[in-house]
Protein backbone atom coordinates (compact mmCIF):
# COMPACT_ATOMS: atom_id res chain seq x y z
CA UNK A 1 157.35 128.91 110.41
CA UNK A 2 160.97 130.01 110.70
CA UNK A 3 163.02 130.25 107.55
CA UNK A 4 166.50 129.45 106.33
CA UNK A 5 168.04 132.01 104.03
CA UNK A 6 170.48 132.07 101.19
CA UNK A 7 171.63 135.59 100.41
CA UNK A 8 171.77 136.80 96.82
CA UNK A 9 173.81 139.85 95.71
CA UNK A 10 172.01 143.12 95.25
CA UNK A 11 173.18 144.42 91.89
CA UNK A 12 174.97 141.82 89.79
CA UNK A 13 174.29 141.16 86.16
CA UNK A 14 175.62 137.67 86.75
CA UNK A 15 172.79 136.64 89.09
CA UNK A 16 169.14 137.38 88.26
CA UNK A 17 167.52 138.64 91.44
CA UNK A 18 164.48 136.62 92.45
CA UNK A 19 162.75 137.71 95.63
CA UNK A 20 160.12 135.77 97.51
CA UNK A 21 159.20 138.66 99.76
CA UNK A 22 159.27 142.33 98.97
CA UNK A 23 162.34 144.25 100.13
CA UNK A 24 162.98 147.95 100.35
CA UNK A 25 165.09 149.45 97.62
CA UNK A 26 168.75 149.25 98.56
CA UNK A 27 168.38 146.30 100.92
CA UNK A 28 170.34 143.10 100.16
CA UNK A 29 168.24 140.64 98.18
CA UNK A 30 167.85 137.21 99.66
CA UNK A 31 166.54 133.85 98.62
CA UNK A 32 164.32 132.02 101.04
CA UNK A 33 164.90 128.39 101.81
CA UNK A 34 162.11 126.81 103.80
CA UNK A 35 163.20 125.60 107.20
CA UNK A 36 162.49 122.04 108.20
CA UNK A 37 159.07 121.95 109.81
CA UNK A 38 159.25 122.62 113.51
CA UNK A 39 158.78 119.40 115.46
CA UNK A 40 159.18 118.66 119.12
CA UNK A 41 162.62 117.02 119.43
CA UNK A 42 161.39 114.54 122.01
CA UNK A 43 158.39 113.39 119.99
CA UNK A 44 158.36 109.59 119.62
CA UNK A 45 156.59 107.54 117.00
CA UNK A 46 155.64 104.16 118.42
CA UNK A 47 154.18 102.70 115.21
CA UNK A 48 155.93 104.11 112.13
CA UNK A 49 154.35 103.28 108.80
CA UNK A 50 155.83 100.62 106.54
CA UNK A 51 157.33 103.31 104.29
CA UNK A 52 159.47 104.62 107.14
CA UNK A 53 160.42 101.39 108.86
CA UNK A 54 164.09 101.95 107.98
CA UNK A 55 163.95 105.21 109.93
CA UNK A 56 162.93 103.55 113.16
CA UNK A 57 164.19 105.24 116.31
CA UNK A 58 165.37 101.85 117.47
CA UNK A 59 168.33 102.00 115.06
CA UNK A 60 169.24 105.65 115.65
CA UNK A 61 168.83 108.11 118.51
CA UNK A 62 166.55 111.06 117.90
CA UNK A 63 169.02 113.83 117.19
CA UNK A 64 168.83 117.18 118.92
CA UNK A 65 171.18 119.97 119.90
CA UNK A 66 172.81 118.15 122.80
CA UNK A 67 173.67 114.88 121.05
CA UNK A 68 173.86 115.48 117.28
CA UNK A 69 177.51 116.56 117.04
CA UNK A 70 178.91 113.62 119.03
CA UNK A 71 176.73 111.14 117.17
CA UNK A 72 177.71 112.50 113.75
CA UNK A 73 181.43 112.52 114.51
CA UNK A 74 181.20 108.86 115.50
CA UNK A 75 179.09 108.12 112.41
CA UNK A 76 181.75 109.78 110.24
CA UNK A 77 184.43 107.42 111.54
CA UNK A 78 182.30 104.31 111.09
CA UNK A 79 180.98 105.15 107.62
CA UNK A 80 183.80 105.79 105.13
CA UNK A 81 181.67 106.20 101.99
CA UNK A 82 182.06 109.63 100.39
CA UNK A 83 180.42 109.40 96.97
CA UNK A 84 176.72 109.86 96.23
CA UNK A 85 174.62 109.31 93.12
CA UNK A 86 171.69 111.67 92.56
CA UNK A 87 169.07 110.75 89.96
CA UNK A 88 166.36 113.03 88.56
CA UNK A 89 164.33 113.09 85.36
CA UNK A 90 167.03 115.39 83.96
CA UNK A 91 169.78 112.80 84.42
CA UNK A 92 172.39 111.62 86.91
CA UNK A 93 174.75 113.68 89.06
CA UNK A 94 177.61 112.18 91.04
CA UNK A 95 179.24 114.10 93.85
CA UNK A 96 181.76 113.56 96.63
CA UNK A 97 181.65 114.63 100.27
CA UNK A 98 184.71 116.23 101.88
CA UNK A 99 186.74 114.62 104.66
CA UNK A 100 187.53 117.91 106.41
CA UNK A 101 183.86 118.70 107.12
CA UNK A 102 183.07 115.58 109.17
CA UNK A 103 179.83 116.76 110.78
CA UNK A 104 178.19 117.95 107.56
CA UNK A 105 179.54 114.97 105.61
CA UNK A 106 178.32 112.44 108.18
CA UNK A 107 174.92 114.13 108.40
CA UNK A 108 174.35 114.09 104.66
CA UNK A 109 175.63 110.53 104.31
CA UNK A 110 173.34 109.40 107.11
CA UNK A 111 170.32 111.04 105.47
CA UNK A 112 171.13 109.36 102.15
CA UNK A 113 171.51 105.95 103.80
CA UNK A 114 168.25 106.44 105.68
CA UNK A 115 166.59 107.31 102.35
CA UNK A 116 165.43 110.68 103.62
CA UNK A 117 165.85 112.42 100.25
CA UNK A 118 164.17 109.75 98.13
CA UNK A 119 160.98 110.98 96.43
CA UNK A 120 161.52 114.53 97.69
CA UNK A 121 161.55 117.44 95.24
CA UNK A 122 163.93 120.24 94.48
CA UNK A 123 161.96 123.18 95.80
CA UNK A 124 163.99 126.21 94.66
CA UNK A 125 165.62 126.59 91.25
CA UNK A 126 167.27 129.87 90.34
CA UNK A 127 168.98 130.06 86.99
CA UNK A 128 172.68 130.99 87.15
CA UNK A 129 172.61 130.78 90.93
CA UNK A 130 171.56 127.63 92.86
CA UNK A 131 169.42 124.50 92.77
CA UNK A 132 168.02 123.72 96.23
CA UNK A 133 166.27 120.85 97.96
CA UNK A 134 166.05 118.87 101.17
CA UNK A 135 162.73 119.87 102.68
CA UNK A 136 159.22 119.29 101.36
CA UNK A 137 155.99 120.15 103.14
CA UNK A 138 154.71 116.60 102.80
CA UNK A 139 153.45 114.37 105.57
CA UNK A 140 155.98 111.65 104.73
CA UNK A 141 158.91 114.06 105.11
CA UNK A 142 157.41 115.46 108.32
CA UNK A 143 157.35 111.95 109.74
CA UNK A 144 160.92 111.29 108.67
CA UNK A 145 162.11 114.47 110.38
CA UNK A 146 160.28 113.53 113.56
CA UNK A 147 162.06 110.18 113.56
CA UNK A 148 165.47 111.68 112.73
CA UNK A 149 165.24 114.78 114.92
CA UNK A 150 165.33 118.55 115.01
CA UNK A 151 168.86 119.93 115.17
CA UNK A 152 171.35 122.16 113.40
CA UNK A 153 174.96 121.63 112.41
CA UNK A 154 177.88 123.67 113.79
CA UNK A 155 179.71 125.52 111.00
CA UNK A 156 182.66 123.90 109.25
CA UNK A 157 183.45 126.78 106.90
CA UNK A 158 186.82 126.29 105.19
CA UNK A 159 188.39 129.10 103.13
CA UNK A 160 189.60 126.62 100.53
CA UNK A 161 186.08 125.31 99.84
CA UNK A 162 184.60 127.85 97.46
CA UNK A 163 181.07 128.37 96.20
CA UNK A 164 182.23 127.48 92.72
CA UNK A 165 179.94 125.85 90.17
CA UNK A 166 179.11 122.34 91.35
CA UNK A 167 179.75 123.02 95.04
CA UNK A 168 177.43 121.39 97.59
CA UNK A 169 176.54 123.43 100.68
CA UNK A 170 173.92 123.72 103.41
CA UNK A 171 171.42 126.52 103.87
CA UNK A 172 171.10 128.29 107.20
CA UNK A 173 169.06 130.81 109.16
CA UNK A 174 170.19 134.42 108.90
CA UNK A 175 168.21 135.57 111.94
CA UNK A 176 169.36 134.81 115.49
CA UNK A 177 172.22 132.72 114.15
CA UNK A 178 175.50 134.64 114.63
CA UNK A 179 177.58 131.44 114.62
CA UNK A 180 176.24 130.39 111.20
CA UNK A 181 174.81 127.03 112.20
CA UNK A 182 173.58 125.04 109.18
CA UNK A 183 170.25 123.41 108.48
CA UNK A 184 170.33 119.66 108.95
CA UNK A 185 168.17 119.02 105.86
CA UNK A 186 168.26 121.94 103.39
CA UNK A 187 171.08 121.73 100.85
CA UNK A 188 171.93 123.41 97.56
CA UNK A 189 174.20 122.99 94.57
CA UNK A 190 175.83 126.11 93.17
CA UNK A 191 175.06 126.53 89.49
CA UNK A 192 176.60 129.93 88.80
CA UNK A 193 178.37 131.14 85.70
CA UNK A 194 181.84 132.57 84.95
CA UNK A 195 182.29 136.12 86.24
CA UNK A 196 184.34 138.88 84.67
CA UNK A 197 186.31 141.47 86.64
CA UNK A 198 183.61 144.19 86.59
CA UNK A 199 181.11 141.69 87.97
CA UNK A 200 183.54 140.57 90.68
CA UNK A 201 184.24 144.21 91.58
CA UNK A 202 180.51 144.93 91.80
CA UNK A 203 180.08 141.93 94.06
CA UNK A 204 182.86 143.14 96.33
CA UNK A 205 181.27 146.59 96.52
CA UNK A 206 177.71 145.44 97.12
CA UNK A 207 178.61 142.78 99.69
CA UNK A 208 181.50 144.64 101.34
CA UNK A 209 183.90 141.77 100.77
CA UNK A 210 187.34 141.28 99.26
CA UNK A 211 187.81 138.50 96.71
CA UNK A 212 191.52 137.59 96.59
CA UNK A 213 193.19 136.88 93.27
CA UNK A 214 193.38 133.12 93.79
CA UNK A 215 189.60 133.03 94.18
CA UNK A 216 189.06 135.38 91.24
CA UNK A 217 190.88 132.93 88.96
CA UNK A 218 188.43 130.19 89.94
CA UNK A 219 185.33 132.34 89.54
CA UNK A 220 186.53 133.73 86.20
CA UNK A 221 187.01 130.25 84.75
CA UNK A 222 184.46 128.04 86.52
CA UNK A 223 181.91 130.49 87.88
CA UNK A 224 179.87 130.38 91.06
CA UNK A 225 178.67 132.57 93.91
CA UNK A 226 181.68 134.11 95.72
CA UNK A 227 179.48 136.34 97.91
CA UNK A 228 178.39 133.16 99.76
CA UNK A 229 181.95 132.23 100.74
CA UNK A 230 182.33 132.41 104.51
CA UNK A 231 178.56 132.44 105.00
CA UNK A 232 177.69 128.77 104.43
CA UNK A 233 179.50 125.47 104.89
CA UNK A 234 180.56 123.90 101.60
CA UNK A 235 181.04 120.18 102.20
CA UNK A 236 181.10 118.52 98.78
CA UNK A 237 181.32 118.97 95.03
CA UNK A 238 180.00 117.45 91.81
CA UNK A 239 182.55 115.40 89.87
CA UNK A 240 180.21 114.10 87.15
CA UNK A 241 177.04 115.61 85.75
CA UNK A 242 177.56 119.37 85.71
CA UNK A 243 175.64 119.37 82.44
CA UNK A 244 172.68 117.84 84.30
CA UNK A 245 172.88 120.59 86.91
CA UNK A 246 172.79 123.08 84.06
CA UNK A 247 169.61 121.48 82.69
CA UNK A 248 168.03 121.48 86.14
CA UNK A 249 168.75 125.18 86.55
CA UNK A 250 166.76 125.98 83.40
CA UNK A 251 163.44 124.33 84.33
CA UNK A 252 160.40 126.57 84.42
CA UNK A 253 159.32 127.65 87.90
CA UNK A 254 156.47 129.47 89.59
CA UNK A 255 156.78 132.81 91.37
CA UNK A 256 158.30 131.11 94.42
CA UNK A 257 160.98 129.44 92.24
CA UNK A 258 159.43 125.99 92.69
CA UNK A 259 159.63 123.90 89.48
CA UNK A 260 156.28 123.76 87.68
CA UNK A 261 156.91 120.12 86.79
CA UNK A 262 158.11 118.25 89.89
CA UNK A 263 161.85 117.70 89.96
CA UNK A 264 161.93 114.56 92.10
CA UNK A 265 165.19 113.10 93.38
CA UNK A 266 166.57 109.74 94.40
CA UNK A 267 169.93 109.38 96.15
CA UNK A 268 172.12 106.40 96.84
CA UNK A 269 175.63 105.79 98.13
CA UNK A 270 178.27 104.78 95.59
CA UNK A 271 180.26 101.90 97.06
CA UNK A 272 183.76 101.61 95.63
């Protein structure tokens, strides 16, 4: 199975380094995000189960590389909702989707409306870094992805959208993906913590990046993961419930960073 990756910094006190696969000393550390299960994009389900009736191919085309972008841009124009409510056993988070990332925004909104995320689990939790979800290895989610499609999202990376605490972004493959196409299903919230100047300097050194002063002010006060800027598309942010994100980031996990007690989610659109 192919994988989506989220890179972690190699030598920062700010971010505990959790590795799913062994790396040689000196190599950049990375966090694995499971890729959506590979499914044939032209596979058709003629008799979907009752639990997935709302995902029927009759209402939506099966999305793939040659039709996803056009469909999502049209969906963006026809669906103006931008606020989402996320509920877990830890509490409620409310977040907004950005208008200047129409493909990612439309994709996520569509998945919420089609109830894709409901009853799925957060599958990677890394304290002081990210809380990740969007893809479970369950038969129900496999069926949903067959009905929705196999595709990736063209990047919509904006310099003004930072990986600050509370940011919403999509995971992506780091192999054979020079244009930084995003996963259609795997998302993460940045948890992070405030960074001091030595930590920011270490991050610049270890990731061979330059963090301008306007960004440093944000990361000093709010915190986040500046080494991910320019690598992933940020397309939303939490506006209520950062304390819940903090609680989620502290749950106990196994060696693969999967919560020991299932962290199940429900999502719904906020209509205002």
